Protein backbone atom coordinates (compact mmCIF):
# COMPACT_ATOMS: atom_id res chain seq x y z
CA UNK A 1 0.03 0.11 -0.33
CA UNK A 2 2.69 2.39 0.54
CA UNK A 3 4.27 2.03 -2.65
CA UNK A 4 0.95 2.67 -3.94
CA UNK A 5 0.87 5.76 -2.23
CA UNK A 6 4.41 6.70 -3.51
CA UNK A 7 3.28 5.58 -6.85
CA UNK A 8 0.33 8.26 -6.80
CA UNK A 9 2.46 10.61 -5.22
CA UNK A 10 4.48 10.29 -8.31
CA UNK A 11 1.55 10.34 -10.81
CA UNK A 12 0.27 13.34 -9.23
CA UNK A 13 3.24 15.21 -9.72
CA UNK A 14 3.03 14.31 -13.31
CA UNK A 15 -0.53 15.77 -13.70
CA UNK A 16 0.46 18.43 -11.34
CA UNK A 17 3.01 19.62 -13.69
CA UNK A 18 0.16 19.83 -16.95
CA UNK A 19 -3.04 20.96 -14.11
CA UNK A 20 -2.40 22.55 -11.02
CA UNK A 21 -5.23 20.66 -10.04
CA UNK A 22 -3.54 17.60 -8.74
CA UNK A 23 -0.72 19.76 -7.31
CA UNK A 24 -1.66 19.95 -3.52
CA UNK A 25 -2.54 16.05 -4.00
CA UNK A 26 1.58 15.21 -4.40
CA UNK A 27 1.94 16.35 -0.48
CA UNK A 28 -0.94 14.21 0.80
CA UNK A 29 -0.36 10.95 -0.74
CA UNK A 30 3.21 11.35 0.14
CA UNK A 31 2.46 12.19 3.88
CA UNK A 32 0.06 8.71 3.14
CA UNK A 33 2.82 6.89 1.92
CA UNK A 34 5.02 7.34 4.88
CA UNK A 35 2.77 6.70 7.57
CA UNK A 36 1.50 3.25 6.01
CA UNK A 37 5.50 2.30 5.46
CA UNK A 38 6.30 3.66 9.57
CA UNK A 39 3.26 1.22 10.63
CA UNK A 40 4.15 -1.76 8.89
CA UNK A 41 7.71 -1.08 11.08
CA UNK A 42 5.52 -0.91 14.34
CA UNK A 43 5.36 -4.64 14.37
CA UNK A 44 9.46 -5.09 14.24
CA UNK A 45 9.80 -2.68 16.95
CA UNK A 46 7.51 -4.90 19.16
CA UNK A 47 9.55 -7.39 18.52
CA UNK A 48 12.73 -5.90 19.29
CA UNK A 49 11.64 -4.48 22.46
CA UNK A 50 10.02 -7.87 23.75
CA UNK A 51 13.39 -9.42 22.72
CA UNK A 52 15.68 -6.97 24.31
CA UNK A 53 13.96 -6.77 27.52
CA UNK A 54 13.58 -10.28 27.89
CA UNK A 55 17.49 -9.98 27.41
CA UNK A 56 17.75 -7.55 29.88
CA UNK A 57 15.94 -9.93 32.45
CA UNK A 58 18.11 -12.94 31.87
CA UNK A 59 20.94 -11.33 32.33
CA UNK A 60 19.73 -9.37 35.52
CA UNK A 61 18.58 -12.72 36.68
CA UNK A 62 22.02 -14.80 36.06
CA UNK A 63 23.13 -11.47 38.05
CA UNK A 64 21.64 -11.64 40.97
CA UNK A 65 21.92 -15.47 41.10
CA UNK A 66 25.73 -14.66 41.13
CA UNK A 67 25.33 -11.77 44.33
CA UNK A 68 23.53 -14.61 46.12
CA UNK A 69 25.14 -16.69 45.72
CA UNK A 70 28.85 -16.38 43.99
CA UNK A 71 29.68 -19.05 41.29
CA UNK A 72 32.81 -19.18 39.64
CA UNK A 73 34.10 -17.61 36.48
CA UNK A 74 33.54 -20.12 34.40
CA UNK A 75 30.25 -20.48 35.10
CA UNK A 76 28.98 -17.57 34.41
CA UNK A 77 30.84 -17.26 31.41
CA UNK A 78 28.59 -20.67 30.50
CA UNK A 79 25.20 -19.38 31.95
CA UNK A 80 25.92 -16.36 29.74
CA UNK A 81 27.44 -18.03 26.52
CA UNK A 82 23.97 -20.13 26.69
CA UNK A 83 21.85 -17.58 26.58
CA UNK A 84 23.96 -15.53 23.97
CA UNK A 85 23.71 -18.85 21.94
CA UNK A 86 19.96 -18.98 22.27
CA UNK A 87 19.38 -15.28 21.57
CA UNK A 88 21.36 -15.91 18.44
CA UNK A 89 19.41 -19.04 17.21
CA UNK A 90 16.61 -16.97 17.53
CA UNK A 91 17.25 -14.41 15.30
CA UNK A 92 18.83 -16.50 12.54
CA UNK A 93 15.50 -17.31 10.76
CA UNK A 94 14.32 -14.26 11.16
CA UNK A 95 17.44 -12.47 9.55
CA UNK A 96 17.46 -15.62 6.91
CA UNK A 97 14.39 -14.23 6.26
CA UNK A 98 14.37 -10.93 5.87
CA UNK A 99 17.63 -11.17 3.81
CA UNK A 100 17.93 -11.19 0.35
CA UNK A 101 18.47 -13.63 -1.78
CA UNK A 102 21.05 -13.99 -4.69
CA UNK A 103 18.99 -13.62 -8.10
CA UNK A 104 19.75 -17.61 -9.80
CA UNK A 105 21.10 -17.56 -12.99
CA UNK A 106 19.16 -18.47 -16.47
CA UNK A 107 18.82 -21.59 -17.39
CA UNK A 108 20.29 -22.47 -20.45
CA UNK A 109 19.63 -25.95 -22.18
CA UNK A 110 17.05 -26.74 -19.26
CA UNK A 111 19.69 -26.92 -16.48
CA UNK A 112 21.03 -23.61 -14.47
CA UNK A 113 24.66 -22.19 -15.46
């Protein structure tokens, strides 16, 4: 929808060069396009906020456990690395999903080149 609103702003801009009737709609359509794009990013921001809050709580829990009953450095490092590794494993599928895939080469003679 944001792309369509942006495209409409471009069309109104082109038409506005010919007839000033469409000129006021350029700003309106640009603002609509920007607001739709920003609204689409809200879910990502909510995910990041909850993810960071969970990580903070987990790190504070490790710290509190250490303060209550001091652990060895190796135990603290292991607990922290396990936590960070679980976070990385959770992020990986999401990052791969948004990563752009390289274009496939054209097929020649029924087989990929």
